[in-house]
Structure formats: C-alpha cells, structure tokens
C-alpha cells in the first residue's frame, strides 16, 4: 500500500490479530513482489493495488473500507492474539 492513514490502520489491525506486516513497495517490479510473497510464506496479502496473479488470498483494502463505511456497526474484539513478529523486512543484504 502507498503511505497513508489507511496503511497505518491496516498495520494496527494486523498487530491486533497477531499477524505481521511485510512492506512491499509499489515501485518494485512484479517479479520481486511475487518473490517476497512466496518467500514469506504469507497466507494472504492486503493491497490497494491491482491483484497479483498468485495463489495467495488477496484483500483489497479499499473495498473493505467502503464496506465498513456502509455498515451501521463495527465489530470489535478485545482479545489480542499473541504473534511472533510485528513486521518483517527484506533488505538488499548490505545491512
């Protein structure tokens, strides 16, 4: 996702459910994005971009936000699942 308020909300929501955040820049080539998704063993990915052709579940965050705006209530859960990581970052190998 591009840097935005929605990105911060998604990161906090992922943390709340015990999932971790893997930043993948919009500017990366499609092949590199697919490599990150495969290597990370992620179950799904959340994006505001066009869906990548992969076997991972795709969640379009803008559709979720629009759906939430049209609902009269928001479901909340006070129970936080304990996760192993908060985020995962791939580097060029030089750091």
PDB file of N, CA and C in Angstrom:
ATOM      1  N   UNK A   1       0.840  -1.188   0.000  1.00  0.00           N
ATOM      2  CA  UNK A   1       0.000   0.000   0.000  1.00  0.00           C
ATOM      3  C   UNK A   1       0.880   1.245   0.000  1.00  0.00           C
ATOM      4  N   UNK A   2       0.339   2.300  -0.567  1.00  0.00           N
ATOM      5  CA  UNK A   2       1.035   3.576  -0.528  1.00  0.00           C
ATOM      6  C   UNK A   2       0.936   4.146   0.886  1.00  0.00           C
ATOM      7  N   UNK A   3       1.930   4.946   1.309  1.00  0.00           N
ATOM      8  CA  UNK A   3       1.844   5.566   2.634  1.00  0.00           C
ATOM      9  C   UNK A   3       0.555   6.384   2.763  1.00  0.00           C
ATOM     10  N   UNK A   4      -0.207   6.084   3.804  1.00  0.00           N
ATOM     11  CA  UNK A   4      -1.492   6.764   4.007  1.00  0.00           C
ATOM     12  C   UNK A   4      -2.019   6.434   5.396  1.00  0.00           C
ATOM     13  N   UNK A   5      -3.095   7.102   5.752  1.00  0.00           N
ATOM     14  CA  UNK A   5      -3.785   6.789   7.007  1.00  0.00           C
ATOM     15  C   UNK A   5      -4.294   5.351   6.976  1.00  0.00           C
ATOM     16  N   UNK A   6      -4.794   4.925   5.822  1.00  0.00           N
ATOM     17  CA  UNK A   6      -5.298   3.554   5.694  1.00  0.00           C
ATOM     18  C   UNK A   6      -4.203   2.530   5.970  1.00  0.00           C
ATOM     19  N   UNK A   7      -2.973   2.815   5.554  1.00  0.00           N
ATOM     20  CA  UNK A   7      -1.864   1.899   5.807  1.00  0.00           C
ATOM     21  C   UNK A   7      -1.628   1.746   7.305  1.00  0.00           C
ATOM     22  N   UNK A   8      -1.660   2.844   8.029  1.00  0.00           N
ATOM     23  CA  UNK A   8      -1.459   2.789   9.482  1.00  0.00           C
ATOM     24  C   UNK A   8      -2.570   1.961  10.133  1.00  0.00           C
ATOM     25  N   UNK A   9      -3.791   2.147   9.682  1.00  0.00           N
ATOM     26  CA  UNK A   9      -4.922   1.384  10.223  1.00  0.00           C
ATOM     27  C   UNK A   9      -4.737  -0.104   9.956  1.00  0.00           C
ATOM     28  N   UNK A  10      -4.311  -0.448   8.740  1.00  0.00           N
ATOM     29  CA  UNK A  10      -4.085  -1.856   8.390  1.00  0.00           C
ATOM     30  C   UNK A  10      -2.981  -2.451   9.259  1.00  0.00           C
ATOM     31  N   UNK A  11      -1.877  -1.724   9.445  1.00  0.00           N
ATOM     32  CA  UNK A  11      -0.775  -2.228  10.272  1.00  0.00           C
ATOM     33  C   UNK A  11      -1.251  -2.477  11.700  1.00  0.00           C
ATOM     34  N   UNK A  12      -1.997  -1.535  12.262  1.00  0.00           N
ATOM     35  CA  UNK A  12      -2.509  -1.715  13.629  1.00  0.00           C
ATOM     36  C   UNK A  12      -3.495  -2.878  13.717  1.00  0.00           C
ATOM     37  N   UNK A  13      -4.323  -3.038  12.692  1.00  0.00           N
ATOM     38  CA  UNK A  13      -5.264  -4.163  12.676  1.00  0.00           C
ATOM     39  C   UNK A  13      -4.521  -5.488  12.610  1.00  0.00           C
ATOM     40  N   UNK A  14      -3.474  -5.558  11.796  1.00  0.00           N
ATOM     41  CA  UNK A  14      -2.671  -6.782  11.711  1.00  0.00           C
ATOM     42  C   UNK A  14      -2.030  -7.098  13.063  1.00  0.00           C
ATOM     43  N   UNK A  15      -1.497  -6.077  13.699  1.00  0.00           N
ATOM     44  CA  UNK A  15      -0.886  -6.264  15.017  1.00  0.00           C
ATOM     45  C   UNK A  15      -1.932  -6.750  16.024  1.00  0.00           C
ATOM     46  N   UNK A  16      -3.127  -6.196  15.938  1.00  0.00           N
ATOM     47  CA  UNK A  16      -4.212  -6.563  16.856  1.00  0.00           C
ATOM     48  C   UNK A  16      -4.572  -8.047  16.749  1.00  0.00           C
ATOM     49  N   UNK A  17      -4.509  -8.614  15.547  1.00  0.00           N
ATOM     50  CA  UNK A  17      -4.885 -10.022  15.378  1.00  0.00           C
ATOM     51  C   UNK A  17      -3.697 -10.970  15.454  1.00  0.00           C
ATOM     52  N   UNK A  18      -2.504 -10.418  15.694  1.00  0.00           N
ATOM     53  CA  UNK A  18      -1.332 -11.277  15.840  1.00  0.00           C
ATOM     54  C   UNK A  18      -0.632 -11.591  14.530  1.00  0.00           C
ATOM     55  N   UNK A  19      -1.002 -10.896  13.466  1.00  0.00           N
ATOM     56  CA  UNK A  19      -0.346 -11.090  12.168  1.00  0.00           C
ATOM     57  C   UNK A  19       0.788 -10.078  12.042  1.00  0.00           C
ATOM     58  N   UNK A  20       1.647 -10.282  11.068  1.00  0.00           N
ATOM     59  CA  UNK A  20       2.721  -9.307  10.892  1.00  0.00           C
ATOM     60  C   UNK A  20       2.639  -8.613   9.544  1.00  0.00           C
ATOM     61  N   UNK A  21       3.327  -7.484   9.477  1.00  0.00           N
ATOM     62  CA  UNK A  21       3.313  -6.601   8.325  1.00  0.00           C
ATOM     63  C   UNK A  21       4.599  -6.794   7.530  1.00  0.00           C
ATOM     64  N   UNK A  22       4.461  -6.965   6.235  1.00  0.00           N
ATOM     65  CA  UNK A  22       5.603  -7.082   5.326  1.00  0.00           C
ATOM     66  C   UNK A  22       5.472  -5.984   4.283  1.00  0.00           C
ATOM     67  N   UNK A  23       6.266  -4.905   4.407  1.00  0.00           N
ATOM     68  CA  UNK A  23       6.140  -3.825   3.429  1.00  0.00           C
ATOM     69  C   UNK A  23       6.724  -4.229   2.075  1.00  0.00           C
ATOM     70  N   UNK A  24       5.948  -4.001   1.025  1.00  0.00           N
ATOM     71  CA  UNK A  24       6.403  -4.239  -0.344  1.00  0.00           C
ATOM     72  C   UNK A  24       6.072  -2.977  -1.130  1.00  0.00           C
ATOM     73  N   UNK A  25       7.092  -2.293  -1.608  1.00  0.00           N
ATOM     74  CA  UNK A  25       6.916  -1.008  -2.279  1.00  0.00           C
ATOM     75  C   UNK A  25       6.167  -1.147  -3.603  1.00  0.00           C
ATOM     76  N   UNK A  26       5.343  -0.169  -3.885  1.00  0.00           N
ATOM     77  CA  UNK A  26       4.621  -0.117  -5.160  1.00  0.00           C
ATOM     78  C   UNK A  26       5.598  -0.108  -6.331  1.00  0.00           C
ATOM     79  N   UNK A  27       6.752   0.500  -6.130  1.00  0.00           N
ATOM     80  CA  UNK A  27       7.712   0.666  -7.217  1.00  0.00           C
ATOM     81  C   UNK A  27       8.478  -0.611  -7.565  1.00  0.00           C
ATOM     82  N   UNK A  28       8.379  -1.632  -6.716  1.00  0.00           N
ATOM     83  CA  UNK A  28       9.084  -2.884  -7.008  1.00  0.00           C
ATOM     84  C   UNK A  28       8.497  -3.544  -8.251  1.00  0.00           C
ATOM     85  N   UNK A  29       9.346  -4.214  -9.019  1.00  0.00           N
ATOM     86  CA  UNK A  29       8.823  -4.980 -10.156  1.00  0.00           C
ATOM     87  C   UNK A  29       7.912  -6.111  -9.662  1.00  0.00           C
ATOM     88  N   UNK A  30       6.971  -6.484 -10.497  1.00  0.00           N
ATOM     89  CA  UNK A  30       6.002  -7.534 -10.141  1.00  0.00           C
ATOM     90  C   UNK A  30       6.710  -8.820  -9.722  1.00  0.00           C
ATOM     91  N   UNK A  31       7.783  -9.180 -10.411  1.00  0.00           N
ATOM     92  CA  UNK A  31       8.520 -10.405 -10.106  1.00  0.00           C
ATOM     93  C   UNK A  31       9.077 -10.376  -8.678  1.00  0.00           C
ATOM     94  N   UNK A  32       9.579  -9.220  -8.248  1.00  0.00           N
ATOM     95  CA  UNK A  32      10.123  -9.090  -6.891  1.00  0.00           C
ATOM     96  C   UNK A  32       9.008  -9.180  -5.847  1.00  0.00           C
ATOM     97  N   UNK A  33       7.873  -8.572  -6.137  1.00  0.00           N
ATOM     98  CA  UNK A  33       6.729  -8.652  -5.220  1.00  0.00           C
ATOM     99  C   UNK A  33       6.301 -10.103  -5.028  1.00  0.00           C
ATOM    100  N   UNK A  34       6.218 -10.836  -6.127  1.00  0.00           N
ATOM    101  CA  UNK A  34       5.829 -12.247  -6.050  1.00  0.00           C
ATOM    102  C   UNK A  34       6.849 -13.059  -5.264  1.00  0.00           C
ATOM    103  N   UNK A  35       8.140 -12.742  -5.419  1.00  0.00           N
ATOM    104  CA  UNK A  35       9.195 -13.430  -4.664  1.00  0.00           C
ATOM    105  C   UNK A  35       9.024 -13.205  -3.168  1.00  0.00           C
ATOM    106  N   UNK A  36       8.765 -11.956  -2.774  1.00  0.00           N
ATOM    107  CA  UNK A  36       8.564 -11.654  -1.357  1.00  0.00           C
ATOM    108  C   UNK A  36       7.370 -12.415  -0.791  1.00  0.00           C
ATOM    109  N   UNK A  37       6.277 -12.445  -1.536  1.00  0.00           N
ATOM    110  CA  UNK A  37       5.080 -13.148  -1.060  1.00  0.00           C
ATOM    111  C   UNK A  37       5.342 -14.641  -0.908  1.00  0.00           C
ATOM    112  N   UNK A  38       6.048 -15.209  -1.863  1.00  0.00           N
ATOM    113  CA  UNK A  38       6.346 -16.641  -1.796  1.00  0.00           C
ATOM    114  C   UNK A  38       7.310 -16.951  -0.656  1.00  0.00           C
ATOM    115  N   UNK A  39       8.390 -16.192  -0.562  1.00  0.00           N
ATOM    116  CA  UNK A  39       9.422 -16.445   0.435  1.00  0.00           C
ATOM    117  C   UNK A  39       8.927 -16.226   1.861  1.00  0.00           C
ATOM    118  N   UNK A  40       7.992 -15.316   2.044  1.00  0.00           N
ATOM    119  CA  UNK A  40       7.497 -15.003   3.386  1.00  0.00           C
ATOM    120  C   UNK A  40       6.504 -16.030   3.923  1.00  0.00           C
ATOM    121  N   UNK A  41       6.077 -16.952   3.073  1.00  0.00           N
ATOM    122  CA  UNK A  41       5.075 -17.955   3.460  1.00  0.00           C
ATOM    123  C   UNK A  41       3.790 -17.317   3.988  1.00  0.00           C
ATOM    124  N   UNK A  42       3.448 -16.167   3.442  1.00  0.00           N
ATOM    125  CA  UNK A  42       2.236 -15.480   3.889  1.00  0.00           C
ATOM    126  C   UNK A  42       0.997 -16.201   3.375  1.00  0.00           C
ATOM    127  N   UNK A  43      -0.076 -16.085   4.136  1.00  0.00           N
ATOM    128  CA  UNK A  43      -1.344 -16.694   3.747  1.00  0.00           C
ATOM    129  C   UNK A  43      -2.115 -15.796   2.792  1.00  0.00           C
ATOM    130  N   UNK A  44      -1.933 -14.489   2.956  1.00  0.00           N
ATOM    131  CA  UNK A  44      -2.665 -13.531   2.123  1.00  0.00           C
ATOM    132  C   UNK A  44      -1.879 -12.237   2.036  1.00  0.00           C
ATOM    133  N   UNK A  45      -2.369 -11.336   1.207  1.00  0.00           N
ATOM    134  CA  UNK A  45      -1.778 -10.009   1.159  1.00  0.00           C
ATOM    135  C   UNK A  45      -2.878  -8.970   0.996  1.00  0.00           C
ATOM    136  N   UNK A  46      -2.615  -7.812   1.582  1.00  0.00           N
ATOM    137  CA  UNK A  46      -3.564  -6.706   1.571  1.00  0.00           C
ATOM    138  C   UNK A  46      -2.937  -5.599   0.744  1.00  0.00           C
ATOM    139  N   UNK A  47      -3.713  -5.054  -0.170  1.00  0.00           N
ATOM    140  CA  UNK A  47      -3.163  -4.028  -1.047  1.00  0.00           C
ATOM    141  C   UNK A  47      -4.248  -3.083  -1.524  1.00  0.00           C
ATOM    142  N   UNK A  48      -3.805  -1.919  -1.989  1.00  0.00           N
ATOM    143  CA  UNK A  48      -4.709  -1.006  -2.675  1.00  0.00           C
ATOM    144  C   UNK A  48      -4.370  -0.990  -4.168  1.00  0.00           C
ATOM    145  N   UNK A  49      -3.516  -1.925  -4.566  1.00  0.00           N
ATOM    146  CA  UNK A  49      -3.127  -2.086  -5.959  1.00  0.00           C
ATOM    147  C   UNK A  49      -3.967  -3.169  -6.627  1.00  0.00           C
ATOM    148  N   UNK A  50      -3.714  -3.337  -7.901  1.00  0.00           N
ATOM    149  CA  UNK A  50      -4.341  -4.416  -8.662  1.00  0.00           C
ATOM    150  C   UNK A  50      -3.837  -5.762  -8.132  1.00  0.00           C
ATOM    151  N   UNK A  51      -4.689  -6.749  -8.175  1.00  0.00           N
ATOM    152  CA  UNK A  51      -4.344  -8.085  -7.673  1.00  0.00           C
ATOM    153  C   UNK A  51      -3.194  -8.700  -8.472  1.00  0.00           C
ATOM    154  N   UNK A  52      -2.237  -9.294  -7.743  1.00  0.00           N
ATOM    155  CA  UNK A  52      -1.146 -10.025  -8.382  1.00  0.00           C
ATOM    156  C   UNK A  52      -1.626 -11.443  -8.672  1.00  0.00           C
ATOM    157  N   UNK A  53      -1.129 -12.033  -9.705  1.00  0.00           N
ATOM    158  CA  UNK A  53      -1.500 -13.415 -10.039  1.00  0.00           C
ATOM    159  C   UNK A  53      -0.643 -14.355  -9.196  1.00  0.00           C
ATOM    160  N   UNK A  54      -1.205 -14.790  -8.082  1.00  0.00           N
ATOM    161  CA  UNK A  54      -0.517 -15.672  -7.142  1.00  0.00           C
ATOM    162  C   UNK A  54      -1.554 -16.560  -6.463  1.00  0.00           C
ATOM    163  N   UNK A  55      -1.092 -17.567  -5.747  1.00  0.00           N
ATOM    164  CA  UNK A  55      -2.023 -18.454  -5.045  1.00  0.00           C
ATOM    165  C   UNK A  55      -2.363 -17.933  -3.645  1.00  0.00           C
ATOM    166  N   UNK A  56      -1.924 -16.736  -3.317  1.00  0.00           N
ATOM    167  CA  UNK A  56      -2.220 -16.131  -2.012  1.00  0.00           C
ATOM    168  C   UNK A  56      -3.580 -15.424  -2.066  1.00  0.00           C
ATOM    169  N   UNK A  57      -4.263 -15.427  -0.943  1.00  0.00           N
ATOM    170  CA  UNK A  57      -5.544 -14.716  -0.868  1.00  0.00           C
ATOM    171  C   UNK A  57      -5.275 -13.217  -0.947  1.00  0.00           C
ATOM    172  N   UNK A  58      -6.057 -12.526  -1.770  1.00  0.00           N
ATOM    173  CA  UNK A  58      -5.905 -11.091  -1.984  1.00  0.00           C
ATOM    174  C   UNK A  58      -7.035 -10.349  -1.291  1.00  0.00           C
ATOM    175  N   UNK A  59      -6.695  -9.321  -0.532  1.00  0.00           N
ATOM    176  CA  UNK A  59      -7.691  -8.492   0.131  1.00  0.00           C
ATOM    177  C   UNK A  59      -7.489  -7.058  -0.349  1.00  0.00           C
ATOM    178  N   UNK A  60      -8.504  -6.510  -0.998  1.00  0.00           N
ATOM    179  CA  UNK A  60      -8.444  -5.135  -1.475  1.00  0.00           C
ATOM    180  C   UNK A  60      -8.913  -4.231  -0.343  1.00  0.00           C
ATOM    181  N   UNK A  61      -7.996  -3.468   0.225  1.00  0.00           N
ATOM    182  CA  UNK A  61      -8.299  -2.668   1.405  1.00  0.00           C
ATOM    183  C   UNK A  61      -9.340  -1.583   1.112  1.00  0.00           C
ATOM    184  N   UNK A  62      -9.365  -1.049  -0.084  1.00  0.00           N
ATOM    185  CA  UNK A  62     -10.337  -0.010  -0.388  1.00  0.00           C
ATOM    186  C   UNK A  62     -11.762  -0.566  -0.395  1.00  0.00           C
ATOM    187  N   UNK A  63     -11.927  -1.797  -0.865  1.00  0.00           N
ATOM    188  CA  UNK A  63     -13.256  -2.425  -0.821  1.00  0.00           C
ATOM    189  C   UNK A  63     -13.700  -2.639   0.626  1.00  0.00           C
ATOM    190  N   UNK A  64     -12.760  -3.037   1.489  1.00  0.00           N
ATOM    191  CA  UNK A  64     -13.096  -3.233   2.903  1.00  0.00           C
ATOM    192  C   UNK A  64     -13.495  -1.924   3.571  1.00  0.00           C
ATOM    193  N   UNK A  65     -12.766  -0.869   3.268  1.00  0.00           N
ATOM    194  CA  UNK A  65     -13.062   0.435   3.868  1.00  0.00           C
ATOM    195  C   UNK A  65     -14.434   0.919   3.411  1.00  0.00           C
ATOM    196  N   UNK A  66     -14.713   0.795   2.144  1.00  0.00           N
ATOM    197  CA  UNK A  66     -16.021   1.219   1.631  1.00  0.00           C
ATOM    198  C   UNK A  66     -17.151   0.398   2.234  1.00  0.00           C
ATOM    199  N   UNK A  67     -16.914  -0.907   2.419  1.00  0.00           N
ATOM    200  CA  UNK A  67     -17.920  -1.772   3.029  1.00  0.00           C
ATOM    201  C   UNK A  67     -18.163  -1.356   4.479  1.00  0.00           C
ATOM    202  N   UNK A  68     -17.069  -1.059   5.210  1.00  0.00           N
ATOM    203  CA  UNK A  68     -17.196  -0.662   6.618  1.00  0.00           C
ATOM    204  C   UNK A  68     -17.952   0.656   6.749  1.00  0.00           C
ATOM    205  N   UNK A  69     -17.749   1.578   5.815  1.00  0.00           N
ATOM    206  CA  UNK A  69     -18.449   2.867   5.855  1.00  0.00           C
ATOM    207  C   UNK A  69     -19.948   2.686   5.667  1.00  0.00           C
ATOM    208  N   UNK A  70     -20.351   1.659   4.948  1.00  0.00           N
ATOM    209  CA  UNK A  70     -21.768   1.425   4.676  1.00  0.00           C
ATOM    210  C   UNK A  70     -22.467   0.617   5.769  1.00  0.00           C
ATOM    211  N   UNK A  71     -21.702   0.055   6.702  1.00  0.00           N
ATOM    212  CA  UNK A  71     -22.295  -0.716   7.803  1.00  0.00           C
ATOM    213  C   UNK A  71     -22.687   0.218   8.937  1.00  0.00           C
ATOM    214  N   UNK A  72     -23.684  -0.184   9.689  1.00  0.00           N
ATOM    215  CA  UNK A  72     -24.130   0.618  10.827  1.00  0.00           C
ATOM    216  C   UNK A  72     -23.319   0.361  12.084  1.00  0.00           C
ATOM    217  N   UNK A  73     -22.569  -0.706  12.107  1.00  0.00           N
ATOM    218  CA  UNK A  73     -21.777  -1.020  13.290  1.00  0.00           C
ATOM    219  C   UNK A  73     -20.415  -1.562  12.861  1.00  0.00           C
ATOM    220  N   UNK A  74     -19.496  -1.502  13.788  1.00  0.00           N
ATOM    221  CA  UNK A  74     -18.161  -2.050  13.555  1.00  0.00           C
ATOM    222  C   UNK A  74     -17.916  -3.105  14.627  1.00  0.00           C
ATOM    223  N   UNK A  75     -17.552  -4.296  14.208  1.00  0.00           N
ATOM    224  CA  UNK A  75     -17.254  -5.369  15.158  1.00  0.00           C
ATOM    225  C   UNK A  75     -15.889  -5.116  15.777  1.00  0.00           C
ATOM    226  N   UNK A  76     -15.795  -5.254  17.085  1.00  0.00           N
ATOM    227  CA  UNK A  76     -14.502  -5.095  17.760  1.00  0.00           C
ATOM    228  C   UNK A  76     -14.234  -6.334  18.600  1.00  0.00           C
ATOM    229  N   UNK A  77     -12.991  -6.613  18.763  1.00  0.00           N
ATOM    230  CA  UNK A  77     -12.559  -7.741  19.572  1.00  0.00           C
ATOM    231  C   UNK A  77     -11.515  -7.241  20.555  1.00  0.00           C
ATOM    232  N   UNK A  78     -11.743  -7.490  21.830  1.00  0.00           N
ATOM    233  CA  UNK A  78     -10.803  -7.014  22.834  1.00  0.00           C
ATOM    234  C   UNK A  78      -9.651  -7.992  23.051  1.00  0.00           C
ATOM    235  N   UNK A  79      -9.791  -9.193  22.540  1.00  0.00           N
ATOM    236  CA  UNK A  79      -8.770 -10.211  22.748  1.00  0.00           C
ATOM    237  C   UNK A  79      -7.670 -10.086  21.683  1.00  0.00           C
ATOM    238  N   UNK A  80      -6.458  -9.880  22.133  1.00  0.00           N
ATOM    239  CA  UNK A  80      -5.328  -9.767  21.213  1.00  0.00           C
ATOM    240  C   UNK A  80      -4.625 -11.113  21.151  1.00  0.00           C
ATOM    241  N   UNK A  81      -4.429 -11.600  19.943  1.00  0.00           N
ATOM    242  CA  UNK A  81      -3.691 -12.844  19.767  1.00  0.00           C
ATOM    243  C   UNK A  81      -2.198 -12.534  19.848  1.00  0.00           C
ATOM    244  N   UNK A  82      -1.465 -13.421  20.479  1.00  0.00           N
ATOM    245  CA  UNK A  82      -0.033 -13.212  20.595  1.00  0.00           C
ATOM    246  C   UNK A  82       0.652 -13.696  19.326  1.00  0.00           C
ATOM    247  N   UNK A  83       1.364 -12.807  18.689  1.00  0.00           N
ATOM    248  CA  UNK A  83       2.078 -13.141  17.463  1.00  0.00           C
ATOM    249  C   UNK A  83       3.569 -13.230  17.703  1.00  0.00           C
ATOM    250  N   UNK A  84       4.263 -13.835  16.764  1.00  0.00           N
ATOM    251  CA  UNK A  84       5.701 -13.981  16.886  1.00  0.00           C
ATOM    252  C   UNK A  84       6.436 -12.731  16.418  1.00  0.00           C
ATOM    253  N   UNK A  85       5.883 -12.040  15.421  1.00  0.00           N
ATOM    254  CA  UNK A  85       6.525 -10.872  14.846  1.00  0.00           C
ATOM    255  C   UNK A  85       5.524  -9.731  14.724  1.00  0.00           C
ATOM    256  N   UNK A  86       6.042  -8.506  14.685  1.00  0.00           N
ATOM    257  CA  UNK A  86       5.213  -7.338  14.382  1.00  0.00           C
ATOM    258  C   UNK A  86       5.372  -6.969  12.911  1.00  0.00           C
ATOM    259  N   UNK A  87       6.564  -7.161  12.378  1.00  0.00           N
ATOM    260  CA  UNK A  87       6.810  -6.883  10.968  1.00  0.00           C
ATOM    261  C   UNK A  87       7.997  -7.700  10.485  1.00  0.00           C
ATOM    262  N   UNK A  88       8.132  -7.750   9.169  1.00  0.00           N
ATOM    263  CA  UNK A  88       9.241  -8.463   8.540  1.00  0.00           C
ATOM    264  C   UNK A  88       9.734  -7.587   7.399  1.00  0.00           C
ATOM    265  N   UNK A  89      11.042  -7.409   7.314  1.00  0.00           N
ATOM    266  CA  UNK A  89      11.593  -6.534   6.286  1.00  0.00           C
ATOM    267  C   UNK A  89      12.681  -7.264   5.526  1.00  0.00           C
ATOM    268  N   UNK A  90      12.605  -7.163   4.211  1.00  0.00           N
ATOM    269  CA  UNK A  90      13.663  -7.681   3.341  1.00  0.00           C
ATOM    270  C   UNK A  90      14.598  -6.536   3.005  1.00  0.00           C
ATOM    271  N   UNK A  91      15.894  -6.794   3.067  1.00  0.00           N
ATOM    272  CA  UNK A  91      16.877  -5.769   2.726  1.00  0.00           C
ATOM    273  C   UNK A  91      17.686  -6.253   1.518  1.00  0.00           C
ATOM    274  N   UNK A  92      18.548  -5.385   1.059  1.00  0.00           N
ATOM    275  CA  UNK A  92      19.384  -5.731  -0.086  1.00  0.00           C
ATOM    276  C   UNK A  92      20.497  -6.698   0.311  1.00  0.00           C
ATOM    277  N   UNK A  93      20.659  -6.923   1.601  1.00  0.00           N
ATOM    278  CA  UNK A  93      21.720  -7.798   2.086  1.00  0.00           C
ATOM    279  C   UNK A  93      22.934  -7.030   2.568  1.00  0.00           C
ATOM    280  N   UNK A  94      22.910  -5.723   2.385  1.00  0.00           N
ATOM    281  CA  UNK A  94      24.053  -4.908   2.777  1.00  0.00           C
ATOM    282  C   UNK A  94      23.915  -4.367   4.197  1.00  0.00           C
ATOM    283  N   UNK A  95      22.746  -4.592   4.823  1.00  0.00           N
ATOM    284  CA  UNK A  95      22.548  -4.067   6.179  1.00  0.00           C
ATOM    285  C   UNK A  95      22.561  -5.173   7.196  1.00  0.00           C
TER     286      UNK A  95
END
